[in-house]
Amino acid sequence: MSSIKTKVMSGLIWTFGERITAQVVSFVVSIVLARILMPEEYGTISMVLVFINIANVFVSNGLGEALVQKKESDDTDFSTIFYCSFILSCILYVVLFLVAPSLAKFYKNERLIWVLRVLAIKIPISAISTVQHAYVSKHMIFKKFFFSTLGGTLLSGVVGIAMAVYGFGVWALVFQYLMNTIIDTVVLFITVPWRPRMIFSIESARSLINYGWKLMAASLINTVYNELRSLVIGRVYTSADLAYYNKGNQIPNLIITNVDTAIGNVIFPAMVQENDNRERLKQISRRAMKTTSFLIFPMLTGLIFVARPLIILLLSEKWVPAIPYLQMACFYWACQPFQTTNWQIIKAVGRSDLCFKLEIVKKIIGVLMILVSMKISVHAIAASAALFAAISMVINILPNKKLIGYSIIEMLKDMAPSALISVLMGGTVYLLSLIPFPDVILISVQTIVGVVVYVGLSYAFKIDSLWYLIHTVKQMKQRK
């Protein structure tokens, strides 16, 4: 038990470090690029990424998770999935290469042809690292991710900024994305001890695919649904509208990705090791729920009230239309980590079939909401996304009452304290926004006061997660 706890805490620290460091660097790079490039160029790359992200699901989701979920996976399993994933990725690249002209015609943008054909090279490259990612997660050696992610983010950022400065336009973004994937894969190949062997097992492939295809299908449905908004906005409205929508999502996405990815990567293998202990699974889930809500609720609440000065300060006046999208995105992303935690529970107990069924139900609801909102405005599409996230969270929660005895009432009670003090903190931050300070001073004052108020209220109300984090930090210092 203590060994698992140590691995979980070490994994969380390294994964948080990886995500925060990489995302901070990536965020700085994106600010520089946003000041140089026009919204229309961001819109173009967003159109292409719709199809890249969908194709990536086939090589990056499901099969790797099957290796992690299988307790006794060996070299034969890892090598088999490596070859399956790489062959599939090459097929997908050829398909995208051939359909590129048709997609460009659909969007009425001819330059999409070669943008898509070049950027799609990242699909087979990502396939190479899929099994390496699974190996790291399986053995909970998350330190490896830190160096590969940081190296890729730094060097690709330098490439992107240099190309933007020299007038390469949208190609600066293309090569930034591509170089990030290449460097990440190369560093993992060097640092991870696993190497593919010349072995392949039909039986192993059949067993792992039987588990993984359902997760892959669920991820595919989820990704298609998420990208559907970008596809609709890019086709029905303008590339600039799409750029404002995506840029508004960027900052809350940055915050939640750090928390969500770290918890998802670490909690899933920990849950798998305890998947025959229902009470222990519930304890892990409750702790993840409490800690996640304690971290993300105040950040997103504060972000809603500093949105305007923050956008103007970081991105300039030309990105002001992105402000309402940022504020609505905070509500959307507030639900995301709780979906992930409940999703990991279902996967950990081996119910990939249930994951698939839940995705079908959720996405039928979601698509209907998109079809209605797309006829109104881009703002309506963003608002419907936030509403759907709340509905989706509840749907993910419901099965876990039966699976591990963790009911929706218990979950809401675990999240309620952090939500309440976040609202109180948000009210304080809002009142400060009424003072006519310059943007830099206003954001600084709001941030400092917000942190002090939130921590102070957490201390006063004896919020469990505050003491848990303090205790954890002390334990880590003692180990050192």
Protein backbone atom coordinates (compact mmCIF):
# COMPACT_ATOMS: atom_id res chain seq x y z
CA MET A 1 0.00 0.00 0.00
CA SER A 2 2.74 2.47 1.00
CA SER A 3 4.72 1.58 -2.14
CA ILE A 4 1.75 2.46 -4.36
CA LYS A 5 1.16 5.69 -2.44
CA THR A 6 4.82 6.66 -2.86
CA LYS A 7 4.68 5.97 -6.59
CA VAL A 8 1.45 7.95 -6.92
CA MET A 9 2.85 10.98 -5.09
CA SER A 10 6.14 10.84 -6.97
CA GLY A 11 4.24 10.43 -10.22
CA LEU A 12 1.97 13.37 -9.46
CA ILE A 13 4.93 15.62 -8.64
CA TRP A 14 6.85 14.71 -11.81
CA THR A 15 3.73 14.86 -13.97
CA PHE A 16 2.61 18.18 -12.53
CA GLY A 17 6.16 19.45 -13.03
CA GLU A 18 6.16 18.23 -16.62
CA ARG A 19 2.76 19.70 -17.44
CA ILE A 20 3.28 23.03 -15.69
CA THR A 21 6.76 23.62 -17.09
CA ALA A 22 5.80 22.59 -20.61
CA GLN A 23 2.54 24.52 -20.58
CA VAL A 24 4.16 27.68 -19.24
CA VAL A 25 6.76 27.54 -22.01
CA SER A 26 4.08 26.70 -24.59
CA PHE A 27 1.89 29.53 -23.31
CA VAL A 28 4.71 32.07 -23.60
CA VAL A 29 5.43 30.87 -27.13
CA SER A 30 1.75 31.14 -28.06
CA ILE A 31 1.60 34.72 -26.75
CA VAL A 32 4.57 35.70 -28.89
CA LEU A 33 3.11 33.98 -31.95
CA ALA A 34 -0.35 35.50 -31.38
CA ARG A 35 1.19 38.98 -31.40
CA ILE A 36 3.00 38.28 -34.69
CA LEU A 37 0.45 36.19 -36.59
CA MET A 38 -3.12 37.10 -37.53
CA PRO A 39 -6.26 35.36 -36.18
CA GLU A 40 -7.00 34.05 -39.70
CA GLU A 41 -3.71 32.09 -39.70
CA TYR A 42 -4.60 30.50 -36.39
CA GLY A 43 -8.00 29.67 -37.86
CA THR A 44 -6.37 27.85 -40.77
CA ILE A 45 -4.28 25.61 -38.53
CA SER A 46 -7.34 24.95 -36.36
CA MET A 47 -9.25 23.63 -39.39
CA VAL A 48 -6.44 21.18 -40.18
CA LEU A 49 -6.05 20.04 -36.57
CA VAL A 50 -9.66 18.85 -36.60
CA PHE A 51 -8.65 15.94 -38.84
CA ILE A 52 -5.17 15.42 -37.34
CA ASN A 53 -6.63 15.05 -33.86
CA ILE A 54 -9.28 12.60 -35.03
CA ALA A 55 -6.70 10.46 -36.82
CA ASN A 56 -4.41 10.52 -33.77
CA VAL A 57 -7.09 8.78 -31.69
CA PHE A 58 -6.51 5.55 -33.62
CA VAL A 59 -2.81 5.42 -32.74
CA SER A 60 -2.71 7.13 -29.34
CA ASN A 61 -5.82 5.91 -27.52
CA GLY A 62 -7.03 2.50 -26.45
CA LEU A 63 -4.12 0.25 -27.39
CA GLY A 64 -1.63 1.90 -25.05
CA GLU A 65 -4.19 1.88 -22.25
CA ALA A 66 -4.77 -1.83 -22.86
CA LEU A 67 -1.08 -2.44 -22.13
CA VAL A 68 -1.34 -0.48 -18.89
CA GLN A 69 -4.55 -2.22 -17.81
CA LYS A 70 -3.19 -5.74 -18.39
CA LYS A 71 -1.36 -6.64 -15.18
CA GLU A 72 1.10 -9.11 -16.71
CA SER A 73 1.82 -7.47 -20.07
CA ASP A 74 5.22 -8.57 -21.45
CA ASP A 75 7.61 -7.81 -24.31
CA THR A 76 5.45 -9.73 -26.77
CA ASP A 77 2.44 -7.57 -25.89
CA PHE A 78 4.39 -4.32 -26.17
CA SER A 79 6.02 -5.22 -29.51
CA THR A 80 2.74 -6.47 -30.96
CA ILE A 81 0.93 -3.23 -30.15
CA PHE A 82 3.88 -1.21 -31.46
CA TYR A 83 3.60 -2.76 -34.92
CA CYS A 84 -0.20 -2.58 -34.97
CA SER A 85 -0.12 1.09 -34.05
CA PHE A 86 2.59 2.06 -36.56
CA ILE A 87 1.01 0.23 -39.52
CA LEU A 88 -2.36 1.81 -38.74
CA SER A 89 -0.78 5.28 -38.54
CA CYS A 90 0.81 4.92 -41.98
CA ILE A 91 -2.55 3.96 -43.47
CA LEU A 92 -4.17 7.00 -41.86
CA TYR A 93 -1.47 9.30 -43.23
CA VAL A 94 -2.04 8.04 -46.78
CA VAL A 95 -5.80 8.58 -46.39
CA LEU A 96 -5.34 12.19 -45.20
CA PHE A 97 -2.82 12.87 -47.97
CA LEU A 98 -5.32 11.73 -50.61
CA VAL A 99 -8.40 13.51 -49.19
CA ALA A 100 -6.59 16.82 -48.56
CA PRO A 101 -7.88 18.47 -51.79
CA SER A 102 -11.47 17.56 -50.92
CA LEU A 103 -11.13 18.99 -47.42
CA ALA A 104 -9.64 22.19 -48.81
CA LYS A 105 -12.62 22.48 -51.14
CA PHE A 106 -15.00 21.91 -48.22
CA TYR A 107 -13.43 24.80 -46.31
CA LYS A 108 -12.95 26.89 -49.48
CA ASN A 109 -9.26 27.31 -48.63
CA GLU A 110 -6.74 25.89 -51.11
CA ARG A 111 -3.67 26.31 -48.89
CA LEU A 112 -5.10 23.69 -46.54
CA ILE A 113 -3.93 20.97 -48.97
CA TRP A 114 -0.22 21.09 -48.18
CA VAL A 115 -0.69 22.33 -44.63
CA LEU A 116 -2.63 19.13 -43.91
CA ARG A 117 -0.25 16.88 -45.86
CA VAL A 118 2.81 18.18 -43.99
CA LEU A 119 1.30 18.38 -40.51
CA ALA A 120 -0.18 14.87 -40.83
CA ILE A 121 3.37 13.47 -40.70
CA LYS A 122 3.04 13.79 -36.93
CA ILE A 123 0.58 10.85 -36.92
CA PRO A 124 3.10 8.05 -37.70
CA ILE A 125 5.67 9.80 -35.51
CA SER A 126 3.21 9.81 -32.59
CA ALA A 127 2.54 6.11 -33.18
CA ILE A 128 6.20 5.33 -32.51
CA SER A 129 5.98 6.83 -29.02
CA THR A 130 2.58 5.33 -28.09
CA VAL A 131 4.04 2.16 -26.59
CA GLN A 132 6.83 4.11 -24.90
CA HIS A 133 4.18 6.24 -23.20
CA ALA A 134 2.40 3.06 -22.11
CA TYR A 135 5.66 1.63 -20.75
CA VAL A 136 6.32 4.76 -18.68
CA SER A 137 2.76 4.74 -17.30
CA LYS A 138 2.84 0.99 -16.62
CA HIS A 139 6.01 1.26 -14.55
CA MET A 140 5.06 4.69 -13.14
CA ILE A 141 8.41 6.27 -14.12
CA PHE A 142 6.89 9.64 -15.01
CA LYS A 143 10.22 11.43 -14.72
CA LYS A 144 10.82 10.32 -18.33
CA PHE A 145 7.90 12.45 -19.55
CA PHE A 146 9.38 15.57 -17.96
CA PHE A 147 12.46 15.66 -20.17
CA SER A 148 10.81 14.60 -23.43
CA THR A 149 7.93 17.07 -23.10
CA LEU A 150 10.11 19.98 -21.97
CA GLY A 151 12.66 19.39 -24.73
CA GLY A 152 10.00 19.22 -27.41
CA THR A 153 8.20 22.32 -26.17
CA LEU A 154 11.33 24.48 -25.88
CA LEU A 155 12.93 23.62 -29.21
CA SER A 156 9.67 23.65 -31.20
CA GLY A 157 8.84 27.04 -29.66
CA VAL A 158 12.14 28.46 -30.87
CA VAL A 159 11.47 27.10 -34.37
CA GLY A 160 7.93 28.49 -34.45
CA ILE A 161 8.88 31.98 -33.27
CA ALA A 162 11.85 32.20 -35.64
CA MET A 163 9.70 31.22 -38.63
CA ALA A 164 6.96 33.67 -37.63
CA VAL A 165 9.46 36.53 -37.33
CA TYR A 166 10.79 35.75 -40.80
CA GLY A 167 7.31 35.85 -42.32
CA PHE A 168 6.41 32.18 -42.80
CA GLY A 169 2.86 32.78 -41.52
CA VAL A 170 0.82 29.63 -40.95
CA TRP A 171 3.88 27.44 -41.65
CA ALA A 172 5.41 28.69 -38.40
CA LEU A 173 2.56 26.97 -36.57
CA VAL A 174 2.81 23.83 -38.74
CA PHE A 175 6.49 23.29 -37.98
CA GLN A 176 6.08 24.19 -34.32
CA TYR A 177 3.54 21.36 -33.91
CA LEU A 178 5.58 18.94 -36.02
CA MET A 179 8.91 19.60 -34.27
CA ASN A 180 7.29 19.20 -30.87
CA THR A 181 6.15 15.67 -31.74
CA ILE A 182 9.48 14.70 -33.33
CA ILE A 183 11.60 15.87 -30.39
CA ASP A 184 9.27 14.31 -27.81
CA THR A 185 9.48 10.97 -29.61
CA VAL A 186 13.27 11.05 -30.02
CA VAL A 187 13.92 11.92 -26.36
CA LEU A 188 11.58 9.14 -25.18
CA PHE A 189 13.28 6.67 -27.51
CA ILE A 190 16.63 7.55 -25.95
CA THR A 191 15.53 7.63 -22.29
CA VAL A 192 12.98 4.79 -22.09
CA PRO A 193 14.69 1.36 -21.82
CA TRP A 194 12.05 -0.48 -23.87
CA ARG A 195 12.76 -1.25 -27.56
CA PRO A 196 10.49 -3.08 -30.04
CA ARG A 197 11.55 -6.64 -30.79
CA MET A 198 10.94 -8.67 -33.92
CA ILE A 199 8.05 -10.56 -32.39
CA PHE A 200 4.33 -10.48 -33.08
CA SER A 201 1.52 -12.47 -31.51
CA ILE A 202 -1.93 -12.75 -33.06
CA GLU A 203 -3.31 -13.96 -29.73
CA SER A 204 -1.81 -11.00 -27.88
CA ALA A 205 -3.12 -8.57 -30.49
CA ARG A 206 -6.60 -10.07 -30.31
CA SER A 207 -6.68 -9.90 -26.50
CA LEU A 208 -5.40 -6.33 -26.19
CA ILE A 209 -7.44 -5.01 -29.10
CA ASN A 210 -10.55 -6.60 -27.60
CA TYR A 211 -10.09 -4.35 -24.56
CA GLY A 212 -8.57 -1.36 -26.34
CA TRP A 213 -10.92 -0.96 -29.29
CA LYS A 214 -13.80 0.04 -27.03
CA LEU A 215 -11.70 2.76 -25.39
CA MET A 216 -10.47 3.79 -28.82
CA ALA A 217 -14.04 3.98 -30.09
CA ALA A 218 -15.09 5.97 -27.03
CA SER A 219 -12.15 8.36 -27.49
CA LEU A 220 -12.93 8.65 -31.18
CA ILE A 221 -16.53 9.60 -30.46
CA ASN A 222 -15.34 12.10 -27.87
CA THR A 223 -12.70 13.63 -30.16
CA VAL A 224 -15.03 13.86 -33.16
CA TYR A 225 -17.59 15.54 -30.96
CA ASN A 226 -15.03 18.01 -29.55
CA GLU A 227 -13.68 18.81 -33.02
CA LEU A 228 -17.18 19.09 -34.45
CA ARG A 229 -17.53 22.59 -33.01
CA SER A 230 -14.34 23.71 -34.75
CA LEU A 231 -15.49 22.10 -37.99
CA VAL A 232 -18.89 23.83 -37.79
CA ILE A 233 -17.46 27.25 -36.87
CA GLY A 234 -14.80 27.05 -39.58
CA ARG A 235 -17.36 26.06 -42.23
CA VAL A 236 -20.44 28.10 -41.23
CA TYR A 237 -18.70 31.18 -39.90
CA THR A 238 -15.13 32.47 -40.55
CA SER A 239 -11.58 31.38 -39.79
CA ALA A 240 -11.27 34.46 -37.56
CA ASP A 241 -14.31 33.37 -35.54
CA LEU A 242 -12.71 29.96 -35.14
CA ALA A 243 -9.45 31.56 -33.99
CA TYR A 244 -11.23 33.68 -31.35
CA TYR A 245 -13.17 30.63 -30.13
CA ASN A 246 -10.03 28.48 -29.84
CA LYS A 247 -7.93 31.24 -28.31
CA GLY A 248 -10.62 31.78 -25.67
CA ASN A 249 -10.33 28.09 -24.80
CA GLN A 250 -6.55 28.20 -24.59
CA ILE A 251 -5.98 29.68 -21.11
CA PRO A 252 -8.55 27.58 -19.17
CA ASN A 253 -7.40 24.59 -21.22
CA LEU A 254 -3.85 25.35 -20.10
CA ILE A 255 -4.91 25.28 -16.45
CA ILE A 256 -7.01 22.14 -16.64
CA THR A 257 -4.61 20.19 -18.84
CA ASN A 258 -1.96 20.49 -16.13
CA VAL A 259 -4.29 19.09 -13.48
CA ASP A 260 -6.31 16.69 -15.63
CA THR A 261 -3.40 15.07 -17.47
CA ALA A 262 -1.33 14.68 -14.32
CA ILE A 263 -4.14 13.10 -12.32
CA GLY A 264 -5.34 10.95 -15.23
CA ASN A 265 -1.86 9.60 -16.05
CA VAL A 266 -1.02 8.76 -12.44
CA ILE A 267 -4.38 7.73 -10.99
CA PHE A 268 -5.23 5.18 -13.71
CA PRO A 269 -2.24 2.84 -13.14
CA ALA A 270 -2.71 3.25 -9.36
CA MET A 271 -6.38 2.27 -9.71
CA VAL A 272 -5.46 -0.72 -11.88
CA GLN A 273 -3.19 -2.03 -9.11
CA GLU A 274 -6.11 -1.79 -6.66
CA ASN A 275 -8.94 -2.79 -9.00
CA ASP A 276 -9.84 -5.85 -6.92
CA ASN A 277 -10.27 -3.72 -3.77
CA ARG A 278 -13.51 -1.77 -4.07
CA GLU A 279 -13.05 0.22 -0.85
CA ARG A 280 -9.50 1.23 -1.76
CA LEU A 281 -10.63 2.33 -5.22
CA LYS A 282 -13.25 4.53 -3.62
CA GLN A 283 -10.65 6.10 -1.31
CA ILE A 284 -8.35 6.90 -4.23
CA SER A 285 -11.27 8.36 -6.20
CA ARG A 286 -12.49 10.55 -3.33
CA ARG A 287 -9.02 11.93 -2.74
CA ALA A 288 -8.61 12.71 -6.44
CA MET A 289 -12.02 14.41 -6.49
CA LYS A 290 -11.35 16.58 -3.44
CA THR A 291 -7.83 17.58 -4.47
CA THR A 292 -8.83 18.35 -8.04
CA SER A 293 -11.75 20.58 -7.04
CA PHE A 294 -9.58 22.37 -4.48
CA LEU A 295 -7.02 23.22 -7.18
CA ILE A 296 -9.13 24.06 -10.23
CA PHE A 297 -12.22 25.84 -8.88
CA PRO A 298 -10.39 28.93 -7.58
CA MET A 299 -8.20 29.23 -10.68
CA LEU A 300 -11.11 29.12 -13.13
CA THR A 301 -13.32 31.36 -10.99
CA GLY A 302 -10.57 33.96 -10.79
CA LEU A 303 -9.93 33.69 -14.51
CA ILE A 304 -13.53 34.62 -15.32
CA PHE A 305 -13.10 37.98 -13.58
CA VAL A 306 -9.65 38.86 -14.95
CA ALA A 307 -10.44 37.79 -18.54
CA ARG A 308 -10.63 41.23 -20.14
CA PRO A 309 -7.45 42.85 -18.78
CA LEU A 310 -5.60 39.55 -19.22
CA ILE A 311 -6.48 39.14 -22.91
CA ILE A 312 -5.61 42.75 -23.72
CA LEU A 313 -2.35 42.61 -21.78
CA LEU A 314 -1.14 39.30 -23.22
CA LEU A 315 -2.53 39.19 -26.75
CA SER A 316 -3.34 42.84 -27.61
CA GLU A 317 -6.60 44.52 -28.60
CA LYS A 318 -7.00 42.46 -31.78
CA TRP A 319 -7.98 39.44 -29.63
CA VAL A 320 -10.71 41.21 -27.57
CA PRO A 321 -13.49 39.15 -29.29
CA ALA A 322 -11.99 36.07 -27.57
CA ILE A 323 -12.95 37.35 -24.07
CA PRO A 324 -16.53 35.93 -23.83
CA TYR A 325 -15.31 32.61 -25.20
CA LEU A 326 -12.67 32.47 -22.46
CA GLN A 327 -15.27 33.11 -19.76
CA MET A 328 -17.66 30.45 -21.06
CA ALA A 329 -14.77 28.02 -21.48
CA CYS A 330 -14.04 28.27 -17.74
CA PHE A 331 -17.40 26.62 -17.02
CA TYR A 332 -16.71 23.94 -19.63
CA TRP A 333 -13.25 23.07 -18.31
CA ALA A 334 -14.37 23.11 -14.68
CA CYS A 335 -16.23 19.85 -15.36
CA GLN A 336 -13.48 18.11 -17.30
CA PRO A 337 -11.26 16.68 -14.51
CA PHE A 338 -14.26 15.13 -12.76
CA GLN A 339 -15.23 13.39 -15.98
CA THR A 340 -11.67 12.08 -16.19
CA THR A 341 -11.54 10.73 -12.63
CA ASN A 342 -14.81 8.84 -13.05
CA TRP A 343 -13.68 7.65 -16.48
CA GLN A 344 -10.51 6.20 -14.93
CA ILE A 345 -12.59 4.26 -12.39
CA ILE A 346 -14.63 2.62 -15.14
CA LYS A 347 -11.50 1.75 -17.13
CA ALA A 348 -9.61 0.47 -14.10
CA VAL A 349 -12.25 -2.14 -13.31
CA GLY A 350 -12.07 -3.37 -16.90
CA ARG A 351 -15.42 -2.00 -18.10
CA SER A 352 -14.26 -0.56 -21.42
CA ASP A 353 -17.63 -1.65 -22.86
CA LEU A 354 -19.36 0.73 -20.44
CA CYS A 355 -17.05 3.57 -21.52
CA PHE A 356 -18.15 3.01 -25.09
CA LYS A 357 -21.86 2.95 -24.24
CA LEU A 358 -21.63 6.11 -22.13
CA GLU A 359 -19.86 7.97 -24.92
CA ILE A 360 -22.63 7.12 -27.36
CA VAL A 361 -25.30 8.43 -25.00
CA LYS A 362 -23.39 11.61 -24.19
CA LYS A 363 -22.50 12.46 -27.74
CA ILE A 364 -26.03 11.99 -29.06
CA ILE A 365 -27.07 14.65 -26.57
CA GLY A 366 -24.07 16.81 -27.47
CA VAL A 367 -24.59 16.66 -31.23
CA LEU A 368 -28.21 17.70 -30.83
CA MET A 369 -27.06 20.70 -28.79
CA ILE A 370 -24.55 21.68 -31.50
CA LEU A 371 -27.15 21.39 -34.26
CA VAL A 372 -29.43 23.76 -32.37
CA SER A 373 -26.77 26.28 -31.29
CA MET A 374 -24.98 26.47 -34.68
CA LYS A 375 -28.03 28.18 -36.16
CA ILE A 376 -27.84 30.95 -33.56
CA SER A 377 -24.22 32.14 -33.18
CA VAL A 378 -20.68 31.14 -32.22
CA HIS A 379 -21.43 32.40 -28.70
CA ALA A 380 -24.37 30.00 -28.53
CA ILE A 381 -22.09 27.13 -29.58
CA ALA A 382 -19.68 28.01 -26.75
CA ALA A 383 -22.52 28.24 -24.20
CA SER A 384 -23.92 24.86 -25.28
CA ALA A 385 -20.46 23.34 -24.81
CA ALA A 386 -20.39 24.48 -21.17
CA LEU A 387 -23.88 23.08 -20.54
CA PHE A 388 -23.01 19.78 -22.18
CA ALA A 389 -19.87 19.43 -20.03
CA ALA A 390 -22.02 19.53 -16.90
CA ILE A 391 -24.43 16.93 -18.33
CA SER A 392 -21.52 14.72 -19.40
CA MET A 393 -19.96 14.90 -15.94
CA VAL A 394 -23.14 13.63 -14.32
CA ILE A 395 -23.46 10.77 -16.83
CA ASN A 396 -19.87 9.66 -16.11
CA ILE A 397 -20.51 9.74 -12.36
CA LEU A 398 -23.67 7.59 -12.32
CA PRO A 399 -22.16 4.08 -12.94
CA ASN A 400 -19.65 4.39 -10.12
CA LYS A 401 -22.32 4.05 -7.45
CA LYS A 402 -22.63 0.42 -8.53
CA LEU A 403 -18.96 -0.16 -9.42
CA ILE A 404 -17.29 1.13 -6.23
CA GLY A 405 -20.10 2.53 -4.07
CA TYR A 406 -19.29 6.18 -4.82
CA SER A 407 -22.57 8.02 -5.37
CA ILE A 408 -23.21 11.34 -7.06
CA ILE A 409 -24.35 12.81 -3.72
CA GLU A 410 -21.03 11.87 -2.12
CA MET A 411 -19.09 13.36 -5.02
CA LEU A 412 -21.00 16.62 -4.88
CA LYS A 413 -20.38 16.81 -1.14
CA ASP A 414 -16.66 16.26 -1.75
CA MET A 415 -16.59 19.12 -4.30
CA ALA A 416 -18.96 21.53 -2.50
CA PRO A 417 -16.53 23.10 0.03
CA SER A 418 -14.04 24.13 -2.65
CA ALA A 419 -16.85 25.42 -4.88
CA LEU A 420 -18.32 27.54 -2.07
CA ILE A 421 -15.11 29.28 -1.06
CA SER A 422 -14.22 29.78 -4.75
CA VAL A 423 -17.47 31.72 -5.22
CA LEU A 424 -16.69 33.86 -2.17
CA MET A 425 -13.19 34.49 -3.49
CA GLY A 426 -14.60 35.31 -6.94
CA GLY A 427 -16.88 37.96 -5.46
CA THR A 428 -13.87 39.66 -3.89
CA VAL A 429 -11.93 39.58 -7.17
CA TYR A 430 -14.94 41.05 -9.01
CA LEU A 431 -15.19 44.00 -6.61
CA LEU A 432 -11.51 44.76 -7.23
CA SER A 433 -12.17 44.90 -10.98
CA LEU A 434 -14.36 47.97 -10.42
CA ILE A 435 -11.28 49.96 -9.36
CA PRO A 436 -9.74 51.77 -12.39
CA PHE A 437 -6.22 50.32 -12.10
CA PRO A 438 -3.94 49.81 -15.13
CA ASP A 439 -4.24 46.24 -16.44
CA VAL A 440 -0.93 44.97 -15.03
CA ILE A 441 -1.61 46.35 -11.56
CA LEU A 442 -5.25 45.19 -11.59
CA ILE A 443 -4.36 41.60 -12.49
CA SER A 444 -1.58 41.52 -9.90
CA VAL A 445 -3.82 42.86 -7.12
CA GLN A 446 -6.69 40.52 -8.05
CA THR A 447 -4.37 37.51 -8.10
CA ILE A 448 -2.69 38.25 -4.77
CA VAL A 449 -5.94 39.10 -2.97
CA GLY A 450 -7.68 36.08 -4.53
CA VAL A 451 -4.99 33.66 -3.31
CA VAL A 452 -4.96 35.16 0.18
CA VAL A 453 -8.76 35.06 0.46
CA TYR A 454 -8.98 31.48 -0.85
CA VAL A 455 -6.25 30.08 1.40
CA GLY A 456 -7.59 32.07 4.35
CA LEU A 457 -11.12 30.74 3.87
CA SER A 458 -9.77 27.20 3.40
CA TYR A 459 -7.94 27.51 6.70
CA ALA A 460 -10.92 29.04 8.49
CA PHE A 461 -13.35 26.38 7.25
CA LYS A 462 -10.77 23.61 7.76
CA ILE A 463 -10.99 22.37 4.17
CA ASP A 464 -9.66 18.81 4.11
CA SER A 465 -7.68 19.21 0.87
CA LEU A 466 -5.57 22.09 2.22
CA TRP A 467 -4.29 19.94 5.09
CA TYR A 468 -3.81 16.97 2.76
CA LEU A 469 -1.58 19.00 0.43
CA ILE A 470 0.39 20.49 3.32
CA HIS A 471 0.89 17.01 4.79
CA THR A 472 1.97 15.64 1.41
CA VAL A 473 4.55 18.39 0.90
CA LYS A 474 5.98 17.72 4.38
CA GLN A 475 6.24 14.00 3.61
CA MET A 476 8.08 14.68 0.37
CA LYS A 477 10.55 16.94 2.18
CA GLN A 478 11.17 14.27 4.81
CA ARG A 479 11.91 11.67 2.12
CA LYS A 480 14.49 13.98 0.61
